[in-house]
């Protein structure tokens, strides 16, 4: 079955505080989003890559990726104002044909081949998969400044991306979410969260992630990513 990777790069990066979207900032000699595009370009199980870019920057990214020679890039489209809206635009761009789709945050540039292969392999059995790593910290529930609960950390995971789906499943989940007036008020709006809420009968399998697969949120995270990349090269 055909597998398309969608690199979600439509965020504004407000918390990062840069003039440009952080997806275009340099990391180890190339734009941040290029690292994810390159990872999918090298993945045997991925057939094509679609990039969802912040409005106003799609033409620049089209030129940037053309210069990079990424052979699997099938298109660059503009995203929406929210993550779910950008996902829906990607789903629409992929058309009605069945297949598998991997949604990945461009802000996670250190995606490795083992994680991609794990997602592709899991989609042979499941219709929805998410990447996660164990939490080493104790997590507590808090209300009004007071601890109200302490879930056992053996049952807890920290979510990463990619998140993978059968295209018909994630399309149906987002159709139901769009029809729900309360959806905009939900805190969990990533794609696995949408499936869990609106298609509760669809199991979401967990694929082991990597501690290197960090998310670039603040300027200091770029320095950490530089170090991790240097360590990996050595």
C-alpha atoms as a PDB file:
ATOM      1  CA  UNK A   1       0.000   0.000   0.000  1.00  0.00           C
ATOM      2  CA  UNK A   2       1.269   3.465  -0.901  1.00  0.00           C
ATOM      3  CA  UNK A   3       2.618   5.516   2.039  1.00  0.00           C
ATOM      4  CA  UNK A   4       2.842   9.307   1.969  1.00  0.00           C
ATOM      5  CA  UNK A   5       4.684  11.325   4.607  1.00  0.00           C
ATOM      6  CA  UNK A   6       3.226  14.728   5.457  1.00  0.00           C
ATOM      7  CA  UNK A   7       5.699  17.178   6.990  1.00  0.00           C
ATOM      8  CA  UNK A   8       3.664  19.697   8.982  1.00  0.00           C
ATOM      9  CA  UNK A   9       5.553  23.007   8.883  1.00  0.00           C
ATOM     10  CA  UNK A  10       2.693  25.493   9.050  1.00  0.00           C
ATOM     11  CA  UNK A  11       3.196  26.642  12.652  1.00  0.00           C
ATOM     12  CA  UNK A  12       4.006  30.284  13.341  1.00  0.00           C
ATOM     13  CA  UNK A  13       6.656  29.506  15.981  1.00  0.00           C
ATOM     14  CA  UNK A  14       5.485  32.285  18.314  1.00  0.00           C
ATOM     15  CA  UNK A  15       7.204  30.740  21.349  1.00  0.00           C
ATOM     16  CA  UNK A  16      10.485  30.613  19.457  1.00  0.00           C
ATOM     17  CA  UNK A  17      10.461  34.382  18.954  1.00  0.00           C
ATOM     18  CA  UNK A  18      12.205  34.514  15.549  1.00  0.00           C
ATOM     19  CA  UNK A  19      11.344  36.780  12.610  1.00  0.00           C
ATOM     20  CA  UNK A  20      11.070  33.768  10.288  1.00  0.00           C
ATOM     21  CA  UNK A  21       9.064  30.618  10.980  1.00  0.00           C
ATOM     22  CA  UNK A  22      11.419  28.357  12.935  1.00  0.00           C
ATOM     23  CA  UNK A  23      11.020  25.687  10.250  1.00  0.00           C
ATOM     24  CA  UNK A  24      13.191  27.865   7.991  1.00  0.00           C
ATOM     25  CA  UNK A  25      15.938  28.573  10.515  1.00  0.00           C
ATOM     26  CA  UNK A  26      19.307  26.899   9.873  1.00  0.00           C
ATOM     27  CA  UNK A  27      20.358  23.709  11.598  1.00  0.00           C
ATOM     28  CA  UNK A  28      23.679  22.109  10.638  1.00  0.00           C
ATOM     29  CA  UNK A  29      23.824  23.873   7.292  1.00  0.00           C
ATOM     30  CA  UNK A  30      20.257  23.486   6.079  1.00  0.00           C
ATOM     31  CA  UNK A  31      16.769  24.626   6.989  1.00  0.00           C
ATOM     32  CA  UNK A  32      15.142  22.879   9.938  1.00  0.00           C
ATOM     33  CA  UNK A  33      12.343  21.347   7.862  1.00  0.00           C
ATOM     34  CA  UNK A  34      14.832  19.906   5.363  1.00  0.00           C
ATOM     35  CA  UNK A  35      16.041  17.412   7.958  1.00  0.00           C
ATOM     36  CA  UNK A  36      12.593  15.777   8.145  1.00  0.00           C
ATOM     37  CA  UNK A  37      12.152  15.901   4.373  1.00  0.00           C
ATOM     38  CA  UNK A  38      15.562  14.257   3.951  1.00  0.00           C
ATOM     39  CA  UNK A  39      14.701  11.507   6.450  1.00  0.00           C
ATOM     40  CA  UNK A  40      11.578  10.548   4.517  1.00  0.00           C
ATOM     41  CA  UNK A  41      13.467  10.854   1.231  1.00  0.00           C
ATOM     42  CA  UNK A  42      15.832   8.135   2.484  1.00  0.00           C
ATOM     43  CA  UNK A  43      13.111   5.873   3.921  1.00  0.00           C
ATOM     44  CA  UNK A  44      12.443   2.790   1.736  1.00  0.00           C
ATOM     45  CA  UNK A  45       8.871   2.466   3.032  1.00  0.00           C
ATOM     46  CA  UNK A  46       7.830   6.018   2.087  1.00  0.00           C
ATOM     47  CA  UNK A  47       6.694   6.676  -1.486  1.00  0.00           C
ATOM     48  CA  UNK A  48       6.136  10.447  -1.449  1.00  0.00           C
ATOM     49  CA  UNK A  49       6.364  13.488   0.809  1.00  0.00           C
ATOM     50  CA  UNK A  50       3.920  16.392   1.058  1.00  0.00           C
ATOM     51  CA  UNK A  51       5.024  19.554   2.874  1.00  0.00           C
ATOM     52  CA  UNK A  52       2.434  21.768   4.579  1.00  0.00           C
ATOM     53  CA  UNK A  53       4.011  25.209   4.992  1.00  0.00           C
ATOM     54  CA  UNK A  54       3.056  28.393   6.808  1.00  0.00           C
ATOM     55  CA  UNK A  55       1.020  30.766   4.606  1.00  0.00           C
ATOM     56  CA  UNK A  56       3.168  33.092   2.539  1.00  0.00           C
ATOM     57  CA  UNK A  57       6.241  30.833   2.535  1.00  0.00           C
ATOM     58  CA  UNK A  58       5.219  27.984   0.222  1.00  0.00           C
ATOM     59  CA  UNK A  59       6.913  29.385  -2.893  1.00  0.00           C
ATOM     60  CA  UNK A  60      10.193  29.926  -1.046  1.00  0.00           C
ATOM     61  CA  UNK A  61      10.106  26.380   0.346  1.00  0.00           C
ATOM     62  CA  UNK A  62       9.333  25.007  -3.109  1.00  0.00           C
ATOM     63  CA  UNK A  63      12.553  26.607  -4.420  1.00  0.00           C
ATOM     64  CA  UNK A  64      14.514  25.512  -1.342  1.00  0.00           C
ATOM     65  CA  UNK A  65      13.512  21.858  -1.644  1.00  0.00           C
ATOM     66  CA  UNK A  66      14.036  21.851  -5.413  1.00  0.00           C
ATOM     67  CA  UNK A  67      17.618  22.985  -4.846  1.00  0.00           C
ATOM     68  CA  UNK A  68      18.043  20.212  -2.294  1.00  0.00           C
ATOM     69  CA  UNK A  69      17.109  17.578  -4.856  1.00  0.00           C
ATOM     70  CA  UNK A  70      14.615  15.747  -2.639  1.00  0.00           C
ATOM     71  CA  UNK A  71      13.174  13.300  -5.138  1.00  0.00           C
ATOM     72  CA  UNK A  72      10.107  12.196  -3.143  1.00  0.00           C
ATOM     73  CA  UNK A  73       8.600  15.655  -2.578  1.00  0.00           C
ATOM     74  CA  UNK A  74       5.281  15.567  -4.414  1.00  0.00           C
ATOM     75  CA  UNK A  75       3.972  18.977  -3.371  1.00  0.00           C
ATOM     76  CA  UNK A  76       4.119  21.980  -1.053  1.00  0.00           C
ATOM     77  CA  UNK A  77       0.815  23.432   0.124  1.00  0.00           C
ATOM     78  CA  UNK A  78      -0.156  26.192   2.538  1.00  0.00           C
ATOM     79  CA  UNK A  79      -1.448  25.151   5.938  1.00  0.00           C
ATOM     80  CA  UNK A  80      -4.190  26.582   8.096  1.00  0.00           C
ATOM     81  CA  UNK A  81      -4.282  28.607  11.284  1.00  0.00           C
ATOM     82  CA  UNK A  82      -4.401  25.481  13.487  1.00  0.00           C
ATOM     83  CA  UNK A  83      -2.797  22.061  13.477  1.00  0.00           C
ATOM     84  CA  UNK A  84      -6.111  20.253  12.737  1.00  0.00           C
ATOM     85  CA  UNK A  85      -6.825  22.626   9.846  1.00  0.00           C
ATOM     86  CA  UNK A  86      -3.382  21.970   8.354  1.00  0.00           C
ATOM     87  CA  UNK A  87      -3.956  18.235   8.692  1.00  0.00           C
ATOM     88  CA  UNK A  88      -7.322  18.510   6.947  1.00  0.00           C
ATOM     89  CA  UNK A  89      -5.745  20.450   4.077  1.00  0.00           C
ATOM     90  CA  UNK A  90      -3.155  17.711   3.681  1.00  0.00           C
ATOM     91  CA  UNK A  91      -5.852  15.022   3.687  1.00  0.00           C
ATOM     92  CA  UNK A  92      -7.749  16.907   0.983  1.00  0.00           C
ATOM     93  CA  UNK A  93      -4.582  17.275  -1.098  1.00  0.00           C
ATOM     94  CA  UNK A  94      -3.931  13.527  -0.910  1.00  0.00           C
ATOM     95  CA  UNK A  95      -7.260  12.792  -2.593  1.00  0.00           C
ATOM     96  CA  UNK A  96      -9.769   9.951  -2.149  1.00  0.00           C
ATOM     97  CA  UNK A  97      -7.522   6.971  -2.900  1.00  0.00           C
ATOM     98  CA  UNK A  98      -6.775   4.653   0.019  1.00  0.00           C
ATOM     99  CA  UNK A  99      -3.275   4.478   1.412  1.00  0.00           C
ATOM    100  CA  UNK A 100      -1.199   5.141   4.507  1.00  0.00           C
ATOM    101  CA  UNK A 101      -0.151   8.568   5.730  1.00  0.00           C
ATOM    102  CA  UNK A 102       2.494   9.604   8.266  1.00  0.00           C
ATOM    103  CA  UNK A 103       2.094  13.036   9.866  1.00  0.00           C
ATOM    104  CA  UNK A 104       5.338  14.481  11.201  1.00  0.00           C
ATOM    105  CA  UNK A 105       6.172  17.802  12.851  1.00  0.00           C
ATOM    106  CA  UNK A 106       8.902  19.706  11.005  1.00  0.00           C
ATOM    107  CA  UNK A 107       9.981  20.908  14.454  1.00  0.00           C
ATOM    108  CA  UNK A 108      11.333  17.375  15.114  1.00  0.00           C
ATOM    109  CA  UNK A 109      14.370  17.344  12.785  1.00  0.00           C
ATOM    110  CA  UNK A 110      16.194  14.348  14.293  1.00  0.00           C
ATOM    111  CA  UNK A 111      13.775  11.683  13.095  1.00  0.00           C
ATOM    112  CA  UNK A 112      15.586   8.386  12.518  1.00  0.00           C
ATOM    113  CA  UNK A 113      15.023   5.595  10.020  1.00  0.00           C
ATOM    114  CA  UNK A 114      14.157   3.008  12.676  1.00  0.00           C
ATOM    115  CA  UNK A 115      11.185   5.086  13.849  1.00  0.00           C
ATOM    116  CA  UNK A 116       9.906   5.605  10.300  1.00  0.00           C
ATOM    117  CA  UNK A 117      10.266   1.886   9.527  1.00  0.00           C
ATOM    118  CA  UNK A 118       8.480   1.022  12.783  1.00  0.00           C
ATOM    119  CA  UNK A 119       5.489   3.167  11.799  1.00  0.00           C
ATOM    120  CA  UNK A 120       5.318   1.759   8.270  1.00  0.00           C
ATOM    121  CA  UNK A 121       5.537  -1.817   9.590  1.00  0.00           C
ATOM    122  CA  UNK A 122       2.878  -1.219  12.278  1.00  0.00           C
ATOM    123  CA  UNK A 123       0.451   0.080   9.634  1.00  0.00           C
ATOM    124  CA  UNK A 124       0.521  -3.380   8.064  1.00  0.00           C
ATOM    125  CA  UNK A 125      -1.476  -4.511  11.105  1.00  0.00           C
ATOM    126  CA  UNK A 126      -3.118  -1.405  12.581  1.00  0.00           C
ATOM    127  CA  UNK A 127      -5.045   1.512  11.093  1.00  0.00           C
ATOM    128  CA  UNK A 128      -3.620   4.067  13.522  1.00  0.00           C
ATOM    129  CA  UNK A 129      -0.214   4.291  15.206  1.00  0.00           C
ATOM    130  CA  UNK A 130       1.589   6.795  17.379  1.00  0.00           C
ATOM    131  CA  UNK A 131       5.235   7.148  18.363  1.00  0.00           C
ATOM    132  CA  UNK A 132       5.969   7.430  22.083  1.00  0.00           C
ATOM    133  CA  UNK A 133       8.774   7.072  24.619  1.00  0.00           C
ATOM    134  CA  UNK A 134       8.578   6.158  28.324  1.00  0.00           C
ATOM    135  CA  UNK A 135       8.568   8.964  30.869  1.00  0.00           C
ATOM    136  CA  UNK A 136      11.403   8.872  33.391  1.00  0.00           C
ATOM    137  CA  UNK A 137       9.800  11.539  35.567  1.00  0.00           C
ATOM    138  CA  UNK A 138       6.945  11.037  37.991  1.00  0.00           C
ATOM    139  CA  UNK A 139       3.833  12.711  36.579  1.00  0.00           C
ATOM    140  CA  UNK A 140       1.209  14.207  38.887  1.00  0.00           C
ATOM    141  CA  UNK A 141      -2.311  15.502  38.348  1.00  0.00           C
ATOM    142  CA  UNK A 142      -2.798  19.028  39.682  1.00  0.00           C
ATOM    143  CA  UNK A 143      -5.925  21.042  40.404  1.00  0.00           C
ATOM    144  CA  UNK A 144      -5.961  24.500  42.004  1.00  0.00           C
ATOM    145  CA  UNK A 145      -2.265  24.188  42.830  1.00  0.00           C
ATOM    146  CA  UNK A 146      -2.678  20.900  44.688  1.00  0.00           C
ATOM    147  CA  UNK A 147      -1.685  17.365  43.702  1.00  0.00           C
ATOM    148  CA  UNK A 148      -4.778  15.268  43.146  1.00  0.00           C
ATOM    149  CA  UNK A 149      -3.296  12.109  41.678  1.00  0.00           C
ATOM    150  CA  UNK A 150      -0.090  10.312  40.711  1.00  0.00           C
ATOM    151  CA  UNK A 151      -0.561   7.873  37.819  1.00  0.00           C
ATOM    152  CA  UNK A 152       1.892   4.990  37.725  1.00  0.00           C
ATOM    153  CA  UNK A 153       4.574   6.009  35.238  1.00  0.00           C
ATOM    154  CA  UNK A 154       4.826   2.500  33.770  1.00  0.00           C
ATOM    155  CA  UNK A 155       1.522   3.257  32.021  1.00  0.00           C
ATOM    156  CA  UNK A 156       2.594   6.711  30.776  1.00  0.00           C
ATOM    157  CA  UNK A 157       4.361   7.685  27.573  1.00  0.00           C
ATOM    158  CA  UNK A 158       5.508  10.948  25.985  1.00  0.00           C
ATOM    159  CA  UNK A 159       4.122  11.337  22.474  1.00  0.00           C
ATOM    160  CA  UNK A 160       6.273  12.197  19.479  1.00  0.00           C
ATOM    161  CA  UNK A 161       5.717  12.126  15.746  1.00  0.00           C
ATOM    162  CA  UNK A 162       5.283  10.617  13.172  1.00  0.00           C
ATOM    163  CA  UNK A 163       1.719   9.516  13.736  1.00  0.00           C
ATOM    164  CA  UNK A 164       0.477   7.102  11.101  1.00  0.00           C
ATOM    165  CA  UNK A 165      -2.980   6.221   9.797  1.00  0.00           C
ATOM    166  CA  UNK A 166      -4.947   4.532   7.103  1.00  0.00           C
ATOM    167  CA  UNK A 167      -6.062   7.544   5.093  1.00  0.00           C
ATOM    168  CA  UNK A 168      -9.759   6.648   5.241  1.00  0.00           C
ATOM    169  CA  UNK A 169      -9.570   6.427   9.048  1.00  0.00           C
ATOM    170  CA  UNK A 170      -7.951   9.810   9.680  1.00  0.00           C
ATOM    171  CA  UNK A 171     -10.216  11.416   7.071  1.00  0.00           C
ATOM    172  CA  UNK A 172     -13.324  10.096   8.855  1.00  0.00           C
ATOM    173  CA  UNK A 173     -12.008  11.146  12.275  1.00  0.00           C
ATOM    174  CA  UNK A 174     -11.430  14.716  11.114  1.00  0.00           C
ATOM    175  CA  UNK A 175     -14.826  14.872   9.420  1.00  0.00           C
ATOM    176  CA  UNK A 176     -16.427  13.986  12.750  1.00  0.00           C
ATOM    177  CA  UNK A 177     -14.235  16.490  14.591  1.00  0.00           C
ATOM    178  CA  UNK A 178     -15.118  19.266  12.156  1.00  0.00           C
ATOM    179  CA  UNK A 179     -18.816  18.568  12.723  1.00  0.00           C
ATOM    180  CA  UNK A 180     -18.404  18.800  16.523  1.00  0.00           C
ATOM    181  CA  UNK A 181     -18.806  22.396  17.825  1.00  0.00           C
ATOM    182  CA  UNK A 182     -16.932  21.428  21.000  1.00  0.00           C
ATOM    183  CA  UNK A 183     -13.813  20.216  19.177  1.00  0.00           C
ATOM    184  CA  UNK A 184     -12.078  23.605  19.244  1.00  0.00           C
ATOM    185  CA  UNK A 185     -12.207  23.607  23.055  1.00  0.00           C
ATOM    186  CA  UNK A 186     -10.405  20.268  23.426  1.00  0.00           C
ATOM    187  CA  UNK A 187      -6.841  20.236  24.743  1.00  0.00           C
ATOM    188  CA  UNK A 188      -5.705  17.086  22.872  1.00  0.00           C
ATOM    189  CA  UNK A 189      -5.929  18.050  19.201  1.00  0.00           C
ATOM    190  CA  UNK A 190      -3.134  16.001  17.637  1.00  0.00           C
ATOM    191  CA  UNK A 191      -4.193  13.348  15.170  1.00  0.00           C
ATOM    192  CA  UNK A 192      -4.023  10.347  17.511  1.00  0.00           C
ATOM    193  CA  UNK A 193      -6.163  12.339  19.934  1.00  0.00           C
ATOM    194  CA  UNK A 194      -8.727  12.951  17.197  1.00  0.00           C
ATOM    195  CA  UNK A 195      -8.937   9.221  16.425  1.00  0.00           C
ATOM    196  CA  UNK A 196      -9.154   8.273  20.111  1.00  0.00           C
ATOM    197  CA  UNK A 197     -12.055  10.682  20.645  1.00  0.00           C
ATOM    198  CA  UNK A 198     -14.109  10.219  17.486  1.00  0.00           C
ATOM    199  CA  UNK A 199     -13.277   6.640  16.468  1.00  0.00           C
ATOM    200  CA  UNK A 200     -12.881   4.915  19.854  1.00  0.00           C
ATOM    201  CA  UNK A 201     -13.235   1.449  18.297  1.00  0.00           C
ATOM    202  CA  UNK A 202     -10.058   1.945  16.242  1.00  0.00           C
ATOM    203  CA  UNK A 203      -7.011   0.733  18.218  1.00  0.00           C
ATOM    204  CA  UNK A 204      -4.034   3.118  18.223  1.00  0.00           C
ATOM    205  CA  UNK A 205      -0.814   1.109  18.411  1.00  0.00           C
ATOM    206  CA  UNK A 206       2.333   2.481  20.036  1.00  0.00           C
ATOM    207  CA  UNK A 207       5.625   2.490  18.125  1.00  0.00           C
ATOM    208  CA  UNK A 208       8.786   3.022  20.232  1.00  0.00           C
ATOM    209  CA  UNK A 209      10.335   6.429  19.634  1.00  0.00           C
ATOM    210  CA  UNK A 210      13.743   7.898  20.387  1.00  0.00           C
ATOM    211  CA  UNK A 211      14.994  10.347  22.987  1.00  0.00           C
ATOM    212  CA  UNK A 212      16.890  12.053  20.145  1.00  0.00           C
ATOM    213  CA  UNK A 213      13.606  12.895  18.412  1.00  0.00           C
ATOM    214  CA  UNK A 214      13.316  16.194  20.276  1.00  0.00           C
ATOM    215  CA  UNK A 215      10.960  19.044  19.404  1.00  0.00           C
ATOM    216  CA  UNK A 216      12.458  22.453  18.653  1.00  0.00           C
ATOM    217  CA  UNK A 217      10.330  24.870  20.677  1.00  0.00           C
ATOM    218  CA  UNK A 218      12.754  27.440  22.109  1.00  0.00           C
ATOM    219  CA  UNK A 219      16.051  28.882  20.766  1.00  0.00           C
ATOM    220  CA  UNK A 220      18.117  26.742  23.148  1.00  0.00           C
ATOM    221  CA  UNK A 221      16.641  23.610  21.576  1.00  0.00           C
ATOM    222  CA  UNK A 222      18.504  24.363  18.346  1.00  0.00           C
ATOM    223  CA  UNK A 223      21.804  24.222  20.226  1.00  0.00           C
ATOM    224  CA  UNK A 224      20.831  20.849  21.705  1.00  0.00           C
ATOM    225  CA  UNK A 225      19.927  19.552  18.239  1.00  0.00           C
ATOM    226  CA  UNK A 226      23.290  20.728  16.879  1.00  0.00           C
ATOM    227  CA  UNK A 227      25.078  18.744  19.589  1.00  0.00           C
ATOM    228  CA  UNK A 228      22.971  15.635  18.959  1.00  0.00           C
ATOM    229  CA  UNK A 229      23.635  15.842  15.234  1.00  0.00           C
ATOM    230  CA  UNK A 230      27.366  16.198  15.848  1.00  0.00           C
ATOM    231  CA  UNK A 231      27.336  13.191  18.174  1.00  0.00           C
ATOM    232  CA  UNK A 232      25.467  11.163  15.591  1.00  0.00           C
ATOM    233  CA  UNK A 233      27.985  12.000  12.880  1.00  0.00           C
ATOM    234  CA  UNK A 234      30.854  10.941  15.127  1.00  0.00           C
END
